[in-house]
Protein backbone atom coordinates (compact mmCIF):
# COMPACT_ATOMS: atom_id res chain seq x y z
CA MET A 1 -36.32 -109.51 35.04
CA ARG A 2 -37.75 -106.69 37.15
CA LEU A 3 -36.42 -103.25 36.24
CA ALA A 4 -36.75 -99.94 38.09
CA LEU A 5 -36.63 -96.85 35.85
CA CYS A 6 -35.96 -93.58 37.68
CA LEU A 7 -37.05 -90.26 36.21
CA PHE A 8 -37.62 -87.04 38.16
CA LYS A 9 -40.49 -85.95 35.91
CA TYR A 10 -42.27 -87.42 32.89
CA PHE A 11 -44.04 -85.31 30.30
CA PRO A 12 -44.82 -86.34 26.73
CA PHE A 13 -42.86 -83.73 24.78
CA GLY A 14 -39.28 -83.96 26.09
CA GLY A 15 -36.64 -85.78 24.04
CA MET A 16 -35.24 -87.69 27.01
CA GLN A 17 -38.77 -88.54 28.13
CA ARG A 18 -39.63 -89.95 24.72
CA ASN A 19 -36.56 -92.17 24.86
CA PHE A 20 -37.45 -93.23 28.40
CA ARG A 21 -40.89 -94.24 27.18
CA ALA A 22 -39.48 -96.16 24.21
CA ILE A 23 -37.07 -98.06 26.47
CA ALA A 24 -39.86 -98.88 28.94
CA LEU A 25 -42.06 -100.18 26.12
CA GLU A 26 -39.21 -102.26 24.72
CA ALA A 27 -38.62 -103.77 28.17
CA LEU A 28 -42.31 -104.69 28.41
CA ARG A 29 -42.21 -106.15 24.92
CA ARG A 30 -39.34 -108.42 26.00
CA GLY A 31 -41.29 -109.64 29.00
CA HIS A 32 -39.58 -107.66 31.75
CA ALA A 33 -41.51 -106.22 34.68
CA VAL A 34 -41.12 -102.44 34.74
CA ARG A 35 -41.49 -100.17 37.76
CA VAL A 36 -41.18 -96.40 37.25
CA TYR A 37 -40.31 -93.96 40.03
CA THR A 38 -41.25 -90.40 39.17
CA GLY A 39 -42.14 -87.25 41.02
CA ALA A 40 -44.71 -86.27 38.38
CA TRP A 41 -46.34 -88.01 35.43
CA GLU A 42 -48.11 -85.91 32.80
CA GLY A 43 -50.18 -87.59 30.13
CA PRO A 44 -51.89 -90.98 29.98
CA PRO A 45 -50.36 -93.93 31.85
CA VAL A 46 -48.58 -96.76 30.04
CA ASP A 47 -50.31 -100.12 30.30
CA GLY A 48 -48.17 -102.67 32.11
CA ILE A 49 -45.97 -100.25 34.03
CA GLU A 50 -46.01 -100.21 37.82
CA LEU A 51 -45.99 -96.48 38.51
CA VAL A 52 -44.66 -95.26 41.86
CA THR A 53 -45.28 -91.54 42.32
CA VAL A 54 -42.67 -90.12 44.66
CA PRO A 55 -44.02 -87.44 47.04
CA LEU A 56 -41.57 -84.60 46.44
CA ARG A 57 -40.76 -82.58 49.55
CA GLY A 58 -38.59 -79.53 49.89
CA ARG A 59 -38.68 -75.85 49.04
CA THR A 60 -36.04 -76.00 46.29
CA THR A 61 -35.51 -78.24 43.26
CA GLN A 62 -32.34 -79.66 44.76
CA ALA A 63 -34.06 -80.47 48.06
CA ARG A 64 -36.86 -82.25 46.20
CA GLN A 65 -34.37 -84.24 44.15
CA ARG A 66 -32.50 -85.32 47.28
CA HIS A 67 -35.79 -86.40 48.83
CA TYR A 68 -36.62 -88.29 45.63
CA ALA A 69 -33.33 -90.21 45.83
CA ARG A 70 -33.85 -91.08 49.50
CA PHE A 71 -37.42 -92.26 48.86
CA VAL A 72 -36.37 -94.45 45.92
CA HIS A 73 -33.50 -95.98 47.93
CA ALA A 74 -35.83 -96.83 50.82
CA HIS A 75 -38.56 -98.20 48.56
CA LEU A 76 -36.10 -100.40 46.69
CA GLY A 77 -34.83 -101.72 50.01
CA ALA A 78 -38.31 -103.05 50.71
CA HIS A 79 -39.14 -103.94 47.08
CA PRO A 80 -35.88 -104.95 45.33
CA VAL A 81 -35.38 -105.25 41.59
CA ALA A 82 -32.72 -106.75 39.31
CA ARG A 83 -31.59 -103.42 37.79
CA VAL A 84 -31.99 -99.77 38.78
CA VAL A 85 -31.79 -97.58 35.66
CA GLY A 86 -31.53 -93.80 36.03
CA PHE A 87 -32.49 -91.23 33.41
CA ASN A 88 -31.41 -88.43 35.75
CA ARG A 89 -28.20 -88.40 37.78
CA MET A 90 -28.62 -89.67 41.32
CA PRO A 91 -26.94 -92.05 43.76
CA GLY A 92 -27.59 -95.79 43.79
CA LEU A 93 -27.93 -96.62 40.09
CA ASP A 94 -26.92 -99.84 38.36
CA VAL A 95 -27.22 -98.31 34.89
CA TYR A 96 -27.27 -94.65 33.88
CA TYR A 97 -28.80 -93.42 30.62
CA GLY A 98 -26.81 -90.27 29.88
CA ALA A 99 -29.31 -87.77 28.53
CA ASP A 100 -27.58 -84.63 29.91
CA SER A 101 -24.40 -82.73 29.18
CA CYS A 102 -21.50 -82.89 31.61
CA GLU A 103 -22.20 -80.44 34.44
CA ALA A 104 -18.52 -80.08 35.34
CA VAL A 105 -17.77 -78.89 31.79
CA ARG A 106 -20.62 -76.39 31.88
CA LEU A 107 -19.19 -74.92 35.08
CA GLU A 108 -15.67 -74.36 33.78
CA GLY A 109 -14.25 -70.83 33.62
CA ALA A 110 -14.62 -67.81 35.88
CA VAL A 111 -18.43 -67.66 35.79
CA GLY A 112 -18.68 -71.39 36.38
CA ALA A 113 -16.31 -71.16 39.35
CA LEU A 114 -18.67 -68.68 41.00
CA LYS A 115 -21.72 -70.81 40.22
CA ARG A 116 -20.06 -73.81 41.86
CA LEU A 117 -20.46 -72.00 45.20
CA LEU A 118 -24.25 -71.82 44.88
CA PRO A 119 -26.36 -74.58 46.51
CA ARG A 120 -28.05 -75.53 43.21
CA TYR A 121 -24.78 -76.23 41.43
CA ARG A 122 -23.16 -77.92 44.40
CA HIS A 123 -26.12 -80.30 44.35
CA LEU A 124 -25.89 -80.90 40.58
CA LEU A 125 -22.18 -81.67 40.84
CA ALA A 126 -22.72 -83.95 43.84
CA PHE A 127 -25.36 -85.98 41.97
CA GLU A 128 -23.10 -86.08 38.90
CA ARG A 129 -20.20 -87.39 40.99
CA ALA A 130 -22.57 -89.95 42.54
CA VAL A 131 -22.78 -91.46 39.04
CA PHE A 132 -19.40 -90.92 37.39
CA ALA A 133 -17.17 -91.01 40.47
CA ALA A 134 -18.98 -93.85 42.30
CA GLU A 135 -16.96 -96.95 43.11
CA PRO A 136 -17.76 -99.02 41.27
CA PRO A 137 -19.54 -96.73 38.80
CA PRO A 138 -22.89 -97.71 37.31
CA ARG A 139 -22.80 -98.94 33.75
CA LEU A 140 -23.05 -95.91 31.50
CA MET A 141 -24.91 -95.27 28.24
CA PHE A 142 -24.09 -92.21 26.13
CA VAL A 143 -25.99 -90.66 23.23
CA ALA A 144 -23.33 -88.47 21.54
CA GLU A 145 -19.56 -88.55 21.12
CA ARG A 146 -18.99 -85.02 22.42
CA GLN A 147 -21.01 -85.71 25.57
CA ARG A 148 -19.19 -89.02 26.15
CA ALA A 149 -15.76 -87.44 25.68
CA GLN A 150 -16.50 -84.58 28.08
CA CYS A 151 -17.83 -86.84 30.82
CA LEU A 152 -14.97 -89.31 30.58
CA HIS A 153 -12.40 -86.51 30.42
CA HIS A 154 -13.60 -85.25 33.81
CA TYR A 155 -14.24 -88.71 35.23
CA PRO A 156 -11.69 -90.99 33.51
CA ALA A 157 -12.21 -93.87 35.94
CA ALA A 158 -15.76 -94.23 34.62
CA ALA A 159 -14.51 -95.24 31.16
CA ARG A 160 -14.45 -98.91 32.15
CA ALA A 161 -18.23 -98.79 32.69
CA ALA A 162 -19.15 -96.98 29.47
CA SER A 163 -21.10 -98.50 26.59
CA PRO A 164 -20.50 -97.79 22.91
CA LEU A 165 -22.55 -94.86 21.69
CA LEU A 166 -26.25 -95.52 21.34
CA PRO A 167 -27.75 -94.66 17.95
CA PRO A 168 -29.74 -91.41 17.92
CA GLY A 169 -33.05 -93.30 18.14
CA ILE A 170 -35.11 -91.38 15.61
CA ALA A 171 -38.63 -92.62 14.94
CA ARG A 172 -39.01 -94.33 11.58
CA HIS A 173 -41.13 -92.55 8.97
CA ASP A 174 -41.93 -93.08 5.33
CA VAL A 175 -39.80 -90.25 3.92
CA ASP A 176 -41.92 -89.76 0.80
CA ALA A 177 -45.22 -89.91 2.71
CA LEU A 178 -43.93 -87.34 5.18
CA ALA A 179 -42.95 -84.98 2.34
CA ALA A 180 -46.48 -85.31 0.95
CA THR A 181 -47.93 -83.70 4.10
CA ARG A 182 -46.11 -80.40 3.53
CA ALA A 183 -48.81 -78.49 1.68
CA THR A 184 -51.72 -79.57 3.88
CA THR A 185 -49.81 -78.82 7.10
CA ARG A 186 -48.79 -75.36 5.90
CA ALA A 187 -52.38 -74.65 4.92
CA ALA A 188 -53.62 -75.79 8.35
CA LEU A 189 -51.08 -73.47 9.99
CA GLY A 190 -52.12 -70.55 7.77
CA VAL A 191 -48.69 -70.29 6.14
CA ALA A 192 -48.66 -69.02 2.55
CA ASP A 193 -46.52 -70.60 -0.16
CA HIS A 194 -44.29 -67.52 -0.48
CA GLU A 195 -43.57 -67.33 3.26
CA LEU A 196 -40.41 -68.74 4.85
CA LEU A 197 -41.47 -70.97 7.72
CA LEU A 198 -38.84 -71.16 10.46
CA LEU A 199 -39.31 -73.76 13.17
CA ALA A 200 -37.96 -74.05 16.72
CA VAL A 201 -38.70 -77.33 18.51
CA GLY A 202 -38.00 -78.32 22.09
CA SER A 203 -39.11 -77.86 25.67
CA GLY A 204 -36.84 -75.63 27.72
CA PHE A 205 -36.86 -72.47 25.60
CA ARG A 206 -33.90 -70.86 27.37
CA THR A 207 -31.47 -73.74 26.92
CA LYS A 208 -32.69 -74.36 23.36
CA GLY A 209 -31.53 -70.83 22.51
CA LEU A 210 -34.92 -69.33 21.65
CA ALA A 211 -33.84 -65.82 22.70
CA ARG A 212 -30.93 -66.12 20.25
CA THR A 213 -33.38 -67.03 17.48
CA LEU A 214 -35.71 -64.13 18.23
CA ARG A 215 -32.80 -61.69 18.01
CA ALA A 216 -31.60 -63.29 14.78
CA LEU A 217 -35.08 -63.02 13.26
CA ALA A 218 -35.28 -59.36 14.24
CA ALA A 219 -31.87 -58.70 12.63
CA LEU A 220 -32.91 -59.96 9.18
CA PRO A 221 -33.21 -57.35 6.42
CA ALA A 222 -36.75 -55.97 6.36
CA PRO A 223 -37.85 -57.65 3.08
CA LEU A 224 -36.60 -61.06 4.30
CA ARG A 225 -38.06 -60.57 7.79
CA ALA A 226 -41.45 -59.73 6.27
CA ARG A 227 -41.52 -63.14 4.57
CA ALA A 228 -40.32 -65.10 7.61
CA ARG A 229 -42.56 -66.64 10.25
CA LEU A 230 -41.27 -68.45 13.32
CA LEU A 231 -43.29 -71.26 14.91
CA VAL A 232 -42.19 -72.53 18.32
CA ALA A 233 -43.26 -76.04 19.34
CA GLY A 234 -42.50 -77.04 22.92
CA ASP A 235 -43.89 -77.37 26.43
CA ASP A 236 -42.58 -74.36 28.34
CA ARG A 237 -43.66 -70.94 29.57
CA ALA A 238 -43.60 -68.43 26.75
CA ASP A 239 -44.23 -65.17 28.64
CA ALA A 240 -40.64 -63.87 28.77
CA PHE A 241 -40.05 -64.73 25.12
CA LEU A 242 -43.25 -63.04 24.02
CA ARG A 243 -42.10 -59.91 25.83
CA LEU A 244 -38.74 -60.12 24.07
CA ALA A 245 -40.45 -60.54 20.70
CA ARG A 246 -42.53 -57.43 21.38
CA ARG A 247 -39.43 -55.41 22.35
CA LEU A 248 -37.73 -56.54 19.14
CA GLY A 249 -40.79 -55.60 17.05
CA ILE A 250 -41.37 -59.13 15.71
CA ALA A 251 -44.31 -60.33 17.81
CA ASP A 252 -46.44 -60.55 14.66
CA ARG A 253 -43.88 -62.94 13.11
CA VAL A 254 -43.79 -65.41 16.05
CA ARG A 255 -46.34 -68.00 17.17
CA PHE A 256 -46.11 -70.42 20.09
CA LEU A 257 -47.78 -73.78 19.45
CA GLY A 258 -47.23 -75.49 22.80
CA GLY A 259 -46.35 -79.18 23.03
CA ARG A 260 -47.25 -81.03 19.84
CA ASP A 261 -47.79 -84.62 18.77
CA ASP A 262 -47.32 -83.78 15.07
CA VAL A 263 -43.70 -82.62 15.10
CA PRO A 264 -42.73 -84.75 12.04
CA GLN A 265 -45.44 -83.02 10.00
CA LEU A 266 -44.33 -79.60 11.28
CA LEU A 267 -40.77 -80.40 10.22
CA ALA A 268 -41.95 -81.42 6.77
CA ALA A 269 -43.91 -78.17 6.44
CA ALA A 270 -41.08 -75.84 7.45
CA ASP A 271 -38.25 -74.29 5.43
CA LEU A 272 -35.57 -74.26 8.13
CA LEU A 273 -35.10 -75.70 11.64
CA LEU A 274 -33.35 -73.34 14.07
CA HIS A 275 -31.70 -74.93 17.11
CA PRO A 276 -28.97 -72.67 18.56
CA ALA A 277 -28.94 -74.47 21.92
CA LEU A 278 -26.76 -73.24 24.76
CA PHE A 279 -26.03 -76.87 25.58
CA GLU A 280 -27.59 -80.11 24.35
CA ALA A 281 -26.27 -83.60 24.99
CA GLY A 282 -27.77 -84.91 21.74
CA GLY A 283 -30.53 -83.03 19.96
CA ALA A 284 -32.67 -85.67 18.26
CA VAL A 285 -34.73 -82.99 16.52
CA LEU A 286 -31.74 -82.22 14.28
CA LEU A 287 -31.94 -85.71 12.78
CA GLU A 288 -35.74 -85.75 12.85
CA ALA A 289 -35.52 -82.66 10.62
CA ALA A 290 -33.13 -84.49 8.28
CA VAL A 291 -35.63 -87.35 7.98
CA ALA A 292 -38.27 -84.78 6.94
CA GLY A 293 -35.92 -83.22 4.37
CA LEU A 294 -35.70 -80.00 6.39
CA PRO A 295 -32.37 -78.09 6.40
CA VAL A 296 -30.98 -77.38 9.88
CA LEU A 297 -29.09 -74.50 11.48
CA ALA A 298 -27.84 -75.54 14.92
CA SER A 299 -25.13 -74.65 17.40
CA ALA A 300 -22.01 -76.76 17.78
CA ALA A 301 -23.03 -77.19 21.44
CA CYS A 302 -25.50 -79.88 20.26
CA GLY A 303 -24.16 -83.39 20.56
CA PHE A 304 -25.58 -84.35 17.17
CA ALA A 305 -24.24 -81.25 15.38
CA PRO A 306 -21.40 -83.26 13.75
CA TRP A 307 -24.07 -85.22 11.84
CA ILE A 308 -25.08 -81.97 10.09
CA GLU A 309 -21.59 -81.37 8.74
CA ARG A 310 -20.82 -85.04 8.08
CA HIS A 311 -23.95 -85.51 5.96
CA ASP A 312 -24.33 -81.91 4.72
CA PHE A 313 -27.97 -81.20 5.56
CA GLY A 314 -27.47 -77.69 6.96
CA ARG A 315 -25.02 -75.45 8.79
CA VAL A 316 -23.45 -75.42 12.27
CA ILE A 317 -22.90 -72.26 14.35
CA PRO A 318 -19.37 -72.58 15.77
CA GLU A 319 -18.52 -72.42 19.46
CA PRO A 320 -17.97 -70.15 21.27
CA PHE A 321 -21.33 -68.90 20.13
CA ALA A 322 -21.48 -65.40 18.60
CA GLN A 323 -24.85 -63.82 17.83
CA PRO A 324 -23.60 -61.96 14.69
CA GLU A 325 -22.33 -65.24 13.23
CA TYR A 326 -25.70 -66.90 13.88
CA GLN A 327 -27.43 -64.01 12.15
CA ARG A 328 -25.03 -64.23 9.19
CA LEU A 329 -25.61 -67.96 8.77
CA LEU A 330 -29.38 -67.58 9.10
CA ARG A 331 -29.52 -64.92 6.42
CA GLY A 332 -27.25 -66.97 4.18
CA MET A 333 -29.43 -70.07 4.44
CA LEU A 334 -32.63 -68.13 3.80
CA GLU A 335 -31.09 -66.48 0.75
CA ALA A 336 -29.52 -69.70 -0.56
CA ASP A 337 -30.48 -70.68 -4.09
CA ALA A 338 -32.79 -73.56 -4.92
CA ALA A 339 -29.89 -75.90 -5.68
CA HIS A 340 -28.43 -75.48 -2.19
CA ARG A 341 -31.80 -76.04 -0.52
CA ALA A 342 -32.48 -79.10 -2.66
CA ARG A 343 -29.06 -80.57 -1.80
CA TRP A 344 -29.59 -80.13 1.95
CA SER A 345 -33.02 -81.75 1.72
CA ALA A 346 -31.83 -84.65 -0.43
CA ASN A 347 -28.87 -85.33 1.86
CA GLY A 348 -31.14 -85.44 4.91
CA ARG A 349 -33.52 -87.89 3.25
CA GLN A 350 -30.58 -90.03 2.16
CA LEU A 351 -29.45 -90.22 5.79
CA ALA A 352 -32.99 -91.23 6.75
CA ARG A 353 -32.90 -94.12 4.27
CA ASN A 354 -29.39 -95.43 4.94
CA GLY A 355 -28.06 -94.03 8.23
CA ASP A 356 -27.69 -95.85 11.56
CA ILE A 357 -30.04 -93.44 13.33
CA TYR A 358 -32.77 -95.80 14.57
CA ASP A 359 -33.23 -98.56 17.15
CA ARG A 360 -31.93 -96.83 20.26
CA ALA A 361 -34.38 -98.53 22.62
CA PRO A 362 -33.46 -102.12 21.58
CA ARG A 363 -29.74 -101.32 21.88
CA ALA A 364 -30.27 -99.72 25.27
CA LEU A 365 -32.20 -102.77 26.50
CA ASP A 366 -29.42 -105.05 25.25
CA PHE A 367 -27.00 -103.09 27.42
CA ILE A 368 -29.31 -103.02 30.45
CA GLU A 369 -29.80 -106.78 30.26
CA GLN A 370 -26.06 -107.46 30.25
CA GLY A 371 -24.18 -108.03 33.50
CA GLY A 372 -25.77 -107.59 36.91
CA PRO A 373 -26.24 -105.02 39.66
CA ARG A 374 -23.16 -103.17 40.87
């Protein structure tokens, strides 16, 4: 079978991009022909993939995305495939891999009503409706229950096209071997044994809530703040956040690492993962931290936040988000006794050994292979 995978931009360090890559590799492993349409590809190519680089035209992001959709539609007309699979929302899909939160939900309320009038958000809603309100809708894959419920609440007719939830799709690691890397990784990072290593992981620093974390770090009592160091791993511009850290007087406690290939080792080396995202359809890093035995503090806006409470490997910041509550929970976790920390770590590793958190790509390919084009 020939598959077309549509992705506005590929770069190695995004969660959705990693899942896209895993699904493409699984398709190749099963003998499918894979064509990828993307406006930009960062990193080495994947052997066996037919890569079509879409020339993006337009002065705004929304104009470039509309041009992307028109180009792909025209190219597919001349070079048809058996399935068109989208990892971003756009018209003309046979299957949609739902990696994003529901835009209509994000734009609820008074502020959202005003944003709906802006060209950017009108475009986002139009491309969202092109998926969920299409007739017939493409077949839909979801990664988290909260995300699925929100999308189908706004677009109930799409329920007939929805798959069961995909598993989180965490990479498999030897839990004990990963734990054994802790000391050497901390030493390589220059982190002393007595220091509290806080970790923020994810590209898109604004939506991952990095400003919230910087303010929470600055609000810690002075003796605790002096022991804490925050490492930020992700592919994004750091300038505005460095300025904020300087204004808060914590620039010496914060270090930006850029995009990293050794995130599992960083998780094993840290003492706490901080992920107070503004919105997050899934949040695979929460479960990747559990696999590494790292306690997690995340916002309830993350699709995988219920896993934290269900399996007790950290704490969840309730919605609506309140900065003082985040700061209270952060201090409480850092001051928790050894028994609490050991329980969170053990529960995370137990989930890694026995939980249904792997094999997303094979399940996604099973779903893609079923049925036919719309």
